[in-house]
Structure formats: structure tokens, C-alpha cells
PDB file of N, CA and C in Angstrom:
ATOM      1  N   UNK A   1      73.186 138.009  28.948  1.00  0.00           N
ATOM      2  CA  UNK A   1      72.041 137.413  28.399  1.00  0.00           C
ATOM      3  C   UNK A   1      71.856 136.040  28.722  1.00  0.00           C
ATOM      4  N   UNK A   2      70.713 135.564  29.062  1.00  0.00           N
ATOM      5  CA  UNK A   2      70.488 134.260  29.430  1.00  0.00           C
ATOM      6  C   UNK A   2      69.676 133.377  28.349  1.00  0.00           C
ATOM      7  N   UNK A   3      69.996 132.165  28.122  1.00  0.00           N
ATOM      8  CA  UNK A   3      69.297 131.331  27.173  1.00  0.00           C
ATOM      9  C   UNK A   3      68.602 130.148  27.832  1.00  0.00           C
ATOM     10  N   UNK A   4      67.527 129.679  27.159  1.00  0.00           N
ATOM     11  CA  UNK A   4      66.898 128.506  27.604  1.00  0.00           C
ATOM     12  C   UNK A   4      67.166 127.238  26.647  1.00  0.00           C
ATOM     13  N   UNK A   5      67.258 126.059  27.156  1.00  0.00           N
ATOM     14  CA  UNK A   5      67.395 124.903  26.462  1.00  0.00           C
ATOM     15  C   UNK A   5      66.032 124.008  26.469  1.00  0.00           C
ATOM     16  N   UNK A   6      65.840 123.390  25.493  1.00  0.00           N
ATOM     17  CA  UNK A   6      64.679 122.467  25.336  1.00  0.00           C
ATOM     18  C   UNK A   6      65.139 121.128  25.024  1.00  0.00           C
ATOM     19  N   UNK A   7      64.676 120.051  25.796  1.00  0.00           N
ATOM     20  CA  UNK A   7      64.997 118.719  25.555  1.00  0.00           C
ATOM     21  C   UNK A   7      63.991 117.670  26.192  1.00  0.00           C
ATOM     22  N   UNK A   8      64.023 116.508  25.591  1.00  0.00           N
ATOM     23  CA  UNK A   8      63.319 115.440  26.298  1.00  0.00           C
ATOM     24  C   UNK A   8      64.396 114.238  26.628  1.00  0.00           C
ATOM     25  N   UNK A   9      65.676 114.628  26.588  1.00  0.00           N
ATOM     26  CA  UNK A   9      66.699 113.634  26.858  1.00  0.00           C
ATOM     27  C   UNK A   9      66.675 113.459  28.323  1.00  0.00           C
ATOM     28  N   UNK A  10      66.391 112.062  28.767  1.00  0.00           N
ATOM     29  CA  UNK A  10      66.414 111.783  30.194  1.00  0.00           C
ATOM     30  C   UNK A  10      67.561 112.083  30.945  1.00  0.00           C
ATOM     31  N   UNK A  11      68.738 111.857  30.443  1.00  0.00           N
ATOM     32  CA  UNK A  11      69.997 112.020  31.111  1.00  0.00           C
ATOM     33  C   UNK A  11      70.185 113.497  31.276  1.00  0.00           C
ATOM     34  N   UNK A  12      69.889 114.249  30.263  1.00  0.00           N
ATOM     35  CA  UNK A  12      70.176 115.723  30.393  1.00  0.00           C
ATOM     36  C   UNK A  12      69.180 116.351  31.426  1.00  0.00           C
ATOM     37  N   UNK A  13      67.977 115.922  31.427  1.00  0.00           N
ATOM     38  CA  UNK A  13      67.100 116.455  32.468  1.00  0.00           C
ATOM     39  C   UNK A  13      67.520 116.105  33.878  1.00  0.00           C
ATOM     40  N   UNK A  14      67.717 114.802  33.967  1.00  0.00           N
ATOM     41  CA  UNK A  14      68.105 114.335  35.397  1.00  0.00           C
ATOM     42  C   UNK A  14      69.279 115.009  35.956  1.00  0.00           C
ATOM     43  N   UNK A  15      70.332 115.145  35.018  1.00  0.00           N
ATOM     44  CA  UNK A  15      71.602 115.839  35.428  1.00  0.00           C
ATOM     45  C   UNK A  15      71.336 117.307  35.735  1.00  0.00           C
ATOM     46  N   UNK A  16      70.599 117.893  34.972  1.00  0.00           N
ATOM     47  CA  UNK A  16      70.271 119.447  35.362  1.00  0.00           C
ATOM     48  C   UNK A  16      69.559 119.471  36.688  1.00  0.00           C
ATOM     49  N   UNK A  17      68.423 118.713  36.870  1.00  0.00           N
ATOM     50  CA  UNK A  17      67.704 118.670  38.087  1.00  0.00           C
ATOM     51  C   UNK A  17      68.605 118.401  39.380  1.00  0.00           C
ATOM     52  N   UNK A  18      69.324 117.389  39.310  1.00  0.00           N
ATOM     53  CA  UNK A  18      70.193 117.061  40.408  1.00  0.00           C
ATOM     54  C   UNK A  18      71.229 117.971  40.738  1.00  0.00           C
ATOM     55  N   UNK A  19      71.893 118.690  39.717  1.00  0.00           N
ATOM     56  CA  UNK A  19      72.838 119.603  39.900  1.00  0.00           C
ATOM     57  C   UNK A  19      72.161 120.921  40.499  1.00  0.00           C
ATOM     58  N   UNK A  20      70.988 121.104  40.319  1.00  0.00           N
ATOM     59  CA  UNK A  20      70.341 122.432  40.857  1.00  0.00           C
ATOM     60  C   UNK A  20      69.769 122.110  42.242  1.00  0.00           C
ATOM     61  N   UNK A  21      69.805 120.807  42.639  1.00  0.00           N
ATOM     62  CA  UNK A  21      69.337 120.459  44.027  1.00  0.00           C
ATOM     63  C   UNK A  21      67.796 120.110  44.000  1.00  0.00           C
ATOM     64  N   UNK A  22      67.315 119.741  42.820  1.00  0.00           N
ATOM     65  CA  UNK A  22      65.975 119.239  42.589  1.00  0.00           C
ATOM     66  C   UNK A  22      65.684 117.869  42.720  1.00  0.00           C
ATOM     67  N   UNK A  23      64.420 117.521  42.853  1.00  0.00           N
ATOM     68  CA  UNK A  23      63.993 116.130  42.849  1.00  0.00           C
ATOM     69  C   UNK A  23      62.671 116.031  42.009  1.00  0.00           C
ATOM     70  N   UNK A  24      62.465 114.858  41.311  1.00  0.00           N
ATOM     71  CA  UNK A  24      61.163 114.661  40.764  1.00  0.00           C
ATOM     72  C   UNK A  24      60.013 114.456  41.664  1.00  0.00           C
ATOM     73  N   UNK A  25      58.970 115.101  41.282  1.00  0.00           N
ATOM     74  CA  UNK A  25      57.786 115.062  42.269  1.00  0.00           C
ATOM     75  C   UNK A  25      56.499 115.169  41.467  1.00  0.00           C
ATOM     76  N   UNK A  26      55.441 114.891  42.246  1.00  0.00           N
ATOM     77  CA  UNK A  26      53.956 115.160  41.706  1.00  0.00           C
ATOM     78  C   UNK A  26      53.367 116.015  42.737  1.00  0.00           C
ATOM     79  N   UNK A  27      52.499 116.706  42.434  1.00  0.00           N
ATOM     80  CA  UNK A  27      51.592 117.607  43.326  1.00  0.00           C
ATOM     81  C   UNK A  27      50.719 116.624  44.077  1.00  0.00           C
ATOM     82  N   UNK A  28      50.696 116.595  45.350  1.00  0.00           N
ATOM     83  CA  UNK A  28      49.912 115.715  46.253  1.00  0.00           C
ATOM     84  C   UNK A  28      48.403 115.813  45.860  1.00  0.00           C
ATOM     85  N   UNK A  29      47.709 114.725  45.787  1.00  0.00           N
ATOM     86  CA  UNK A  29      46.412 114.726  45.593  1.00  0.00           C
ATOM     87  C   UNK A  29      45.895 114.835  44.005  1.00  0.00           C
ATOM     88  N   UNK A  30      46.941 114.738  43.257  1.00  0.00           N
ATOM     89  CA  UNK A  30      46.682 114.863  41.735  1.00  0.00           C
ATOM     90  C   UNK A  30      46.881 113.473  40.988  1.00  0.00           C
ATOM     91  N   UNK A  31      47.088 112.419  41.853  1.00  0.00           N
ATOM     92  CA  UNK A  31      47.358 111.116  41.140  1.00  0.00           C
ATOM     93  C   UNK A  31      46.192 110.278  41.025  1.00  0.00           C
ATOM     94  N   UNK A  32      45.029 110.761  41.070  1.00  0.00           N
ATOM     95  CA  UNK A  32      43.783 109.888  40.929  1.00  0.00           C
ATOM     96  C   UNK A  32      43.612 109.576  39.433  1.00  0.00           C
ATOM     97  N   UNK A  33      43.585 108.321  39.054  1.00  0.00           N
ATOM     98  CA  UNK A  33      43.403 107.681  37.786  1.00  0.00           C
ATOM     99  C   UNK A  33      44.416 108.416  36.687  1.00  0.00           C
ATOM    100  N   UNK A  34      45.239 109.022  37.116  1.00  0.00           N
ATOM    101  CA  UNK A  34      46.294 109.682  36.151  1.00  0.00           C
ATOM    102  C   UNK A  34      47.642 109.546  36.858  1.00  0.00           C
ATOM    103  N   UNK A  35      48.686 109.984  36.311  1.00  0.00           N
ATOM    104  CA  UNK A  35      50.008 109.870  36.897  1.00  0.00           C
ATOM    105  C   UNK A  35      50.270 110.934  37.925  1.00  0.00           C
ATOM    106  N   UNK A  36      49.487 111.964  37.907  1.00  0.00           N
ATOM    107  CA  UNK A  36      49.731 113.199  38.843  1.00  0.00           C
ATOM    108  C   UNK A  36      50.323 114.324  37.943  1.00  0.00           C
ATOM    109  N   UNK A  37      50.297 115.491  38.638  1.00  0.00           N
ATOM    110  CA  UNK A  37      50.847 116.615  37.948  1.00  0.00           C
ATOM    111  C   UNK A  37      52.336 116.672  38.274  1.00  0.00           C
ATOM    112  N   UNK A  38      53.152 116.553  37.241  1.00  0.00           N
ATOM    113  CA  UNK A  38      54.590 116.544  37.392  1.00  0.00           C
ATOM    114  C   UNK A  38      55.119 117.845  37.793  1.00  0.00           C
ATOM    115  N   UNK A  39      56.097 117.827  38.568  1.00  0.00           N
ATOM    116  CA  UNK A  39      56.887 118.904  39.107  1.00  0.00           C
ATOM    117  C   UNK A  39      58.405 118.562  39.350  1.00  0.00           C
ATOM    118  N   UNK A  40      59.175 119.517  39.210  1.00  0.00           N
ATOM    119  CA  UNK A  40      60.514 119.446  39.732  1.00  0.00           C
ATOM    120  C   UNK A  40      60.463 120.223  41.046  1.00  0.00           C
ATOM    121  N   UNK A  41      60.896 119.676  42.091  1.00  0.00           N
ATOM    122  CA  UNK A  41      60.678 120.284  43.408  1.00  0.00           C
ATOM    123  C   UNK A  41      62.233 120.567  43.883  1.00  0.00           C
ATOM    124  N   UNK A  42      62.375 121.750  44.489  1.00  0.00           N
ATOM    125  CA  UNK A  42      63.634 122.121  45.075  1.00  0.00           C
ATOM    126  C   UNK A  42      63.375 122.431  46.522  1.00  0.00           C
ATOM    127  N   UNK A  43      63.454 121.298  47.278  1.00  0.00           N
ATOM    128  CA  UNK A  43      63.235 121.369  48.718  1.00  0.00           C
ATOM    129  C   UNK A  43      63.984 122.467  49.517  1.00  0.00           C
ATOM    130  N   UNK A  44      65.157 122.833  49.227  1.00  0.00           N
ATOM    131  CA  UNK A  44      65.880 123.759  49.973  1.00  0.00           C
ATOM    132  C   UNK A  44      65.438 125.157  49.597  1.00  0.00           C
ATOM    133  N   UNK A  45      64.646 125.376  48.537  1.00  0.00           N
ATOM    134  CA  UNK A  45      64.186 126.690  48.191  1.00  0.00           C
ATOM    135  C   UNK A  45      62.701 126.873  48.292  1.00  0.00           C
ATOM    136  N   UNK A  46      62.135 125.985  49.019  1.00  0.00           N
ATOM    137  CA  UNK A  46      60.636 126.015  49.129  1.00  0.00           C
ATOM    138  C   UNK A  46      60.132 125.906  50.497  1.00  0.00           C
ATOM    139  N   UNK A  47      59.074 126.684  50.714  1.00  0.00           N
ATOM    140  CA  UNK A  47      58.247 126.595  51.939  1.00  0.00           C
ATOM    141  C   UNK A  47      57.129 125.724  51.904  1.00  0.00           C
ATOM    142  N   UNK A  48      56.985 125.130  50.652  1.00  0.00           N
ATOM    143  CA  UNK A  48      55.760 124.367  50.401  1.00  0.00           C
ATOM    144  C   UNK A  48      55.988 122.711  50.197  1.00  0.00           C
ATOM    145  N   UNK A  49      56.944 122.335  51.061  1.00  0.00           N
ATOM    146  CA  UNK A  49      57.369 120.919  50.950  1.00  0.00           C
ATOM    147  C   UNK A  49      56.271 119.960  51.082  1.00  0.00           C
ATOM    148  N   UNK A  50      55.172 120.278  51.809  1.00  0.00           N
ATOM    149  CA  UNK A  50      54.124 119.283  52.148  1.00  0.00           C
ATOM    150  C   UNK A  50      53.150 119.226  50.967  1.00  0.00           C
ATOM    151  N   UNK A  51      53.169 119.993  49.975  1.00  0.00           N
ATOM    152  CA  UNK A  51      52.384 119.910  48.667  1.00  0.00           C
ATOM    153  C   UNK A  51      52.935 119.005  47.710  1.00  0.00           C
ATOM    154  N   UNK A  52      54.209 118.565  47.895  1.00  0.00           N
ATOM    155  CA  UNK A  52      54.816 117.715  46.878  1.00  0.00           C
ATOM    156  C   UNK A  52      55.104 116.326  47.375  1.00  0.00           C
ATOM    157  N   UNK A  53      54.945 115.464  46.532  1.00  0.00           N
ATOM    158  CA  UNK A  53      55.339 113.914  46.788  1.00  0.00           C
ATOM    159  C   UNK A  53      56.517 113.648  45.904  1.00  0.00           C
ATOM    160  N   UNK A  54      57.597 113.289  46.575  1.00  0.00           N
ATOM    161  CA  UNK A  54      58.878 112.890  45.730  1.00  0.00           C
ATOM    162  C   UNK A  54      58.575 111.444  45.016  1.00  0.00           C
ATOM    163  N   UNK A  55      58.921 111.420  43.847  1.00  0.00           N
ATOM    164  CA  UNK A  55      58.716 110.153  43.089  1.00  0.00           C
ATOM    165  C   UNK A  55      60.127 109.728  42.461  1.00  0.00           C
ATOM    166  N   UNK A  56      60.186 108.480  42.028  1.00  0.00           N
ATOM    167  CA  UNK A  56      61.555 108.025  41.555  1.00  0.00           C
ATOM    168  C   UNK A  56      61.599 108.525  40.016  1.00  0.00           C
ATOM    169  N   UNK A  57      62.708 108.472  39.524  1.00  0.00           N
ATOM    170  CA  UNK A  57      62.903 108.949  37.978  1.00  0.00           C
ATOM    171  C   UNK A  57      62.257 108.059  37.068  1.00  0.00           C
ATOM    172  N   UNK A  58      61.974 106.676  37.317  1.00  0.00           N
ATOM    173  CA  UNK A  58      61.389 105.779  36.399  1.00  0.00           C
ATOM    174  C   UNK A  58      59.884 106.324  36.264  1.00  0.00           C
ATOM    175  N   UNK A  59      59.284 106.533  37.401  1.00  0.00           N
ATOM    176  CA  UNK A  59      57.821 107.133  37.347  1.00  0.00           C
ATOM    177  C   UNK A  59      57.699 108.364  36.740  1.00  0.00           C
ATOM    178  N   UNK A  60      58.649 109.272  36.992  1.00  0.00           N
ATOM    179  CA  UNK A  60      58.633 110.550  36.395  1.00  0.00           C
ATOM    180  C   UNK A  60      58.764 110.503  34.946  1.00  0.00           C
ATOM    181  N   UNK A  61      59.755 109.835  34.401  1.00  0.00           N
ATOM    182  CA  UNK A  61      59.875 109.630  32.995  1.00  0.00           C
ATOM    183  C   UNK A  61      58.795 108.884  32.270  1.00  0.00           C
ATOM    184  N   UNK A  62      58.198 108.004  32.958  1.00  0.00           N
ATOM    185  CA  UNK A  62      56.941 107.281  32.350  1.00  0.00           C
ATOM    186  C   UNK A  62      55.960 108.335  32.093  1.00  0.00           C
ATOM    187  N   UNK A  63      55.673 109.206  33.040  1.00  0.00           N
ATOM    188  CA  UNK A  63      54.553 110.248  32.897  1.00  0.00           C
ATOM    189  C   UNK A  63      54.990 111.269  31.851  1.00  0.00           C
ATOM    190  N   UNK A  64      56.316 111.630  31.940  1.00  0.00           N
ATOM    191  CA  UNK A  64      56.793 112.706  31.055  1.00  0.00           C
ATOM    192  C   UNK A  64      56.718 112.250  29.633  1.00  0.00           C
ATOM    193  N   UNK A  65      57.047 111.007  29.296  1.00  0.00           N
ATOM    194  CA  UNK A  65      57.063 110.455  27.867  1.00  0.00           C
ATOM    195  C   UNK A  65      55.630 110.244  27.471  1.00  0.00           C
ATOM    196  N   UNK A  66      54.762 109.654  28.336  1.00  0.00           N
ATOM    197  CA  UNK A  66      53.359 109.331  27.955  1.00  0.00           C
ATOM    198  C   UNK A  66      52.629 110.635  27.680  1.00  0.00           C
ATOM    199  N   UNK A  67      53.007 111.676  28.219  1.00  0.00           N
ATOM    200  CA  UNK A  67      52.386 112.913  27.877  1.00  0.00           C
ATOM    201  C   UNK A  67      53.034 113.837  26.862  1.00  0.00           C
ATOM    202  N   UNK A  68      54.206 113.142  26.219  1.00  0.00           N
ATOM    203  CA  UNK A  68      54.856 113.817  25.140  1.00  0.00           C
ATOM    204  C   UNK A  68      55.437 115.183  25.432  1.00  0.00           C
ATOM    205  N   UNK A  69      56.059 115.241  26.625  1.00  0.00           N
ATOM    206  CA  UNK A  69      56.405 116.539  27.085  1.00  0.00           C
ATOM    207  C   UNK A  69      58.060 116.794  26.783  1.00  0.00           C
ATOM    208  N   UNK A  70      58.338 118.023  26.664  1.00  0.00           N
ATOM    209  CA  UNK A  70      59.701 118.536  26.653  1.00  0.00           C
ATOM    210  C   UNK A  70      59.988 119.361  27.928  1.00  0.00           C
ATOM    211  N   UNK A  71      61.240 119.412  28.167  1.00  0.00           N
ATOM    212  CA  UNK A  71      61.601 120.192  29.382  1.00  0.00           C
ATOM    213  C   UNK A  71      62.431 121.391  28.879  1.00  0.00           C
ATOM    214  N   UNK A  72      61.884 122.462  29.290  1.00  0.00           N
ATOM    215  CA  UNK A  72      62.606 123.925  28.998  1.00  0.00           C
ATOM    216  C   UNK A  72      63.283 124.266  30.217  1.00  0.00           C
ATOM    217  N   UNK A  73      64.494 124.583  30.078  1.00  0.00           N
ATOM    218  CA  UNK A  73      65.231 124.938  31.389  1.00  0.00           C
ATOM    219  C   UNK A  73      66.352 126.023  31.030  1.00  0.00           C
ATOM    220  N   UNK A  74      66.706 126.658  32.108  1.00  0.00           N
ATOM    221  CA  UNK A  74      67.662 127.702  32.013  1.00  0.00           C
ATOM    222  C   UNK A  74      68.856 127.329  32.932  1.00  0.00           C
ATOM    223  N   UNK A  75      70.119 127.308  32.486  1.00  0.00           N
ATOM    224  CA  UNK A  75      71.271 126.996  33.260  1.00  0.00           C
ATOM    225  C   UNK A  75      71.696 128.171  34.194  1.00  0.00           C
ATOM    226  N   UNK A  76      71.748 129.316  33.703  1.00  0.00           N
ATOM    227  CA  UNK A  76      72.060 130.417  34.465  1.00  0.00           C
ATOM    228  C   UNK A  76      71.201 131.524  34.169  1.00  0.00           C
ATOM    229  N   UNK A  77      71.123 132.443  35.179  1.00  0.00           N
ATOM    230  CA  UNK A  77      70.405 133.688  35.030  1.00  0.00           C
ATOM    231  C   UNK A  77      71.124 134.623  34.196  1.00  0.00           C
ATOM    232  N   UNK A  78      70.654 135.800  33.832  1.00  0.00           N
ATOM    233  CA  UNK A  78      71.322 136.841  33.112  1.00  0.00           C
ATOM    234  C   UNK A  78      72.434 137.393  33.916  1.00  0.00           C
ATOM    235  N   UNK A  79      72.492 137.377  35.145  1.00  0.00           N
ATOM    236  CA  UNK A  79      73.715 137.751  36.130  1.00  0.00           C
ATOM    237  C   UNK A  79      74.640 136.710  36.178  1.00  0.00           C
ATOM    238  N   UNK A  80      74.424 135.571  35.719  1.00  0.00           N
ATOM    239  CA  UNK A  80      75.428 134.567  35.761  1.00  0.00           C
ATOM    240  C   UNK A  80      75.187 133.565  36.904  1.00  0.00           C
ATOM    241  N   UNK A  81      74.196 133.878  37.756  1.00  0.00           N
ATOM    242  CA  UNK A  81      73.882 132.973  38.972  1.00  0.00           C
ATOM    243  C   UNK A  81      73.155 131.715  38.346  1.00  0.00           C
ATOM    244  N   UNK A  82      73.355 130.624  39.040  1.00  0.00           N
ATOM    245  CA  UNK A  82      72.661 129.353  38.716  1.00  0.00           C
ATOM    246  C   UNK A  82      71.186 129.602  38.761  1.00  0.00           C
ATOM    247  N   UNK A  83      70.329 128.992  37.872  1.00  0.00           N
ATOM    248  CA  UNK A  83      68.945 129.248  37.668  1.00  0.00           C
ATOM    249  C   UNK A  83      68.214 127.827  37.972  1.00  0.00           C
ATOM    250  N   UNK A  84      67.007 128.044  38.537  1.00  0.00           N
ATOM    251  CA  UNK A  84      66.098 126.907  38.678  1.00  0.00           C
ATOM    252  C   UNK A  84      64.928 126.993  37.823  1.00  0.00           C
ATOM    253  N   UNK A  85      64.993 128.008  36.935  1.00  0.00           N
ATOM    254  CA  UNK A  85      63.814 128.148  36.012  1.00  0.00           C
ATOM    255  C   UNK A  85      63.737 126.955  35.106  1.00  0.00           C
ATOM    256  N   UNK A  86      62.451 126.484  35.030  1.00  0.00           N
ATOM    257  CA  UNK A  86      62.141 125.339  34.120  1.00  0.00           C
ATOM    258  C   UNK A  86      60.738 125.298  33.865  1.00  0.00           C
ATOM    259  N   UNK A  87      60.238 124.545  32.853  1.00  0.00           N
ATOM    260  CA  UNK A  87      58.914 124.358  32.694  1.00  0.00           C
ATOM    261  C   UNK A  87      58.659 123.211  31.774  1.00  0.00           C
ATOM    262  N   UNK A  88      57.497 122.533  31.798  1.00  0.00           N
ATOM    263  CA  UNK A  88      57.251 121.419  30.901  1.00  0.00           C
ATOM    264  C   UNK A  88      56.355 122.038  29.707  1.00  0.00           C
ATOM    265  N   UNK A  89      56.726 121.646  28.538  1.00  0.00           N
ATOM    266  CA  UNK A  89      56.131 122.177  27.287  1.00  0.00           C
ATOM    267  C   UNK A  89      55.806 121.018  26.490  1.00  0.00           C
ATOM    268  N   UNK A  90      54.754 121.171  25.600  1.00  0.00           N
ATOM    269  CA  UNK A  90      54.359 120.164  24.598  1.00  0.00           C
ATOM    270  C   UNK A  90      55.564 119.878  23.667  1.00  0.00           C
ATOM    271  N   UNK A  91      55.896 118.502  23.507  1.00  0.00           N
ATOM    272  CA  UNK A  91      57.051 118.106  22.597  1.00  0.00           C
ATOM    273  C   UNK A  91      56.593 118.439  21.112  1.00  0.00           C
ATOM    274  N   UNK A  92      57.434 119.087  20.489  1.00  0.00           N
ATOM    275  CA  UNK A  92      57.226 119.486  19.104  1.00  0.00           C
ATOM    276  C   UNK A  92      57.711 118.539  18.189  1.00  0.00           C
ATOM    277  N   UNK A  93      58.770 117.710  18.470  1.00  0.00           N
ATOM    278  CA  UNK A  93      59.357 116.690  17.615  1.00  0.00           C
ATOM    279  C   UNK A  93      60.163 115.744  18.356  1.00  0.00           C
ATOM    280  N   UNK A  94      60.824 114.860  17.814  1.00  0.00           N
ATOM    281  CA  UNK A  94      61.700 113.917  18.495  1.00  0.00           C
ATOM    282  C   UNK A  94      63.062 114.372  18.498  1.00  0.00           C
ATOM    283  N   UNK A  95      63.330 115.517  18.001  1.00  0.00           N
ATOM    284  CA  UNK A  95      64.766 116.074  17.896  1.00  0.00           C
ATOM    285  C   UNK A  95      65.009 116.895  19.162  1.00  0.00           C
ATOM    286  N   UNK A  96      66.317 116.986  19.579  1.00  0.00           N
ATOM    287  CA  UNK A  96      66.724 117.951  20.655  1.00  0.00           C
ATOM    288  C   UNK A  96      66.660 119.390  20.165  1.00  0.00           C
ATOM    289  N   UNK A  97      66.098 120.248  20.847  1.00  0.00           N
ATOM    290  CA  UNK A  97      66.048 121.545  20.429  1.00  0.00           C
ATOM    291  C   UNK A  97      66.773 122.507  21.480  1.00  0.00           C
ATOM    292  N   UNK A  98      67.534 123.392  20.943  1.00  0.00           N
ATOM    293  CA  UNK A  98      68.124 124.450  21.796  1.00  0.00           C
ATOM    294  C   UNK A  98      67.721 125.791  21.307  1.00  0.00           C
ATOM    295  N   UNK A  99      67.370 126.653  22.065  1.00  0.00           N
ATOM    296  CA  UNK A  99      66.975 127.912  21.659  1.00  0.00           C
ATOM    297  C   UNK A  99      67.862 129.089  22.442  1.00  0.00           C
TER     298      UNK A  99
END
């Protein structure tokens, strides 16, 4: 069985993303008058590299926090393999949540 974790802790998010080979990014063309649509991009697992613009962690977390987001992620799949499953969800509270 696989479980998901939910957090807005910057260190936890950055650690998981980097351990999975990801980088903070925005979708190209979405940064007009806003911060851009946030993504975690996995260049080694994607044929769509040209649709993403890598950004630094400071910019990523500025947007993440200003939009009051949480990060929902899975460490391993049900079969035990590493997982890159993640999504951004609306922050429910200021507490760390694990499900």
C-alpha cells in the first residue's frame, strides 16, 4: 500500500523534489502579471522540456506561499518503486499534515 504526505515545509519539499530528480519550474507563457503556473518538472522523465522554464527555489516558494498551497506527494508506489506523484493543493491550515 502506498501513502501520500501533505506539507508546506520548504525543506521537506525541496528535499523530496531533488531526491526524485525534479526541479522547480513554471509553465512557459503563464507568467504574465502573475507568478506563473507552478510545476515540479522531471527533465529525465519528460519529452516536454520546452514547455517548462526552470526557476530558482526562492521564486518557487514565493509563489507557493503567496497562493497558500500545500504539496501532496508520494514517496513510493504500491510496488515499492520511487514515485514522482505530486500535486499542489489548497492549504488547509498552518500545520503539517500526513495522510
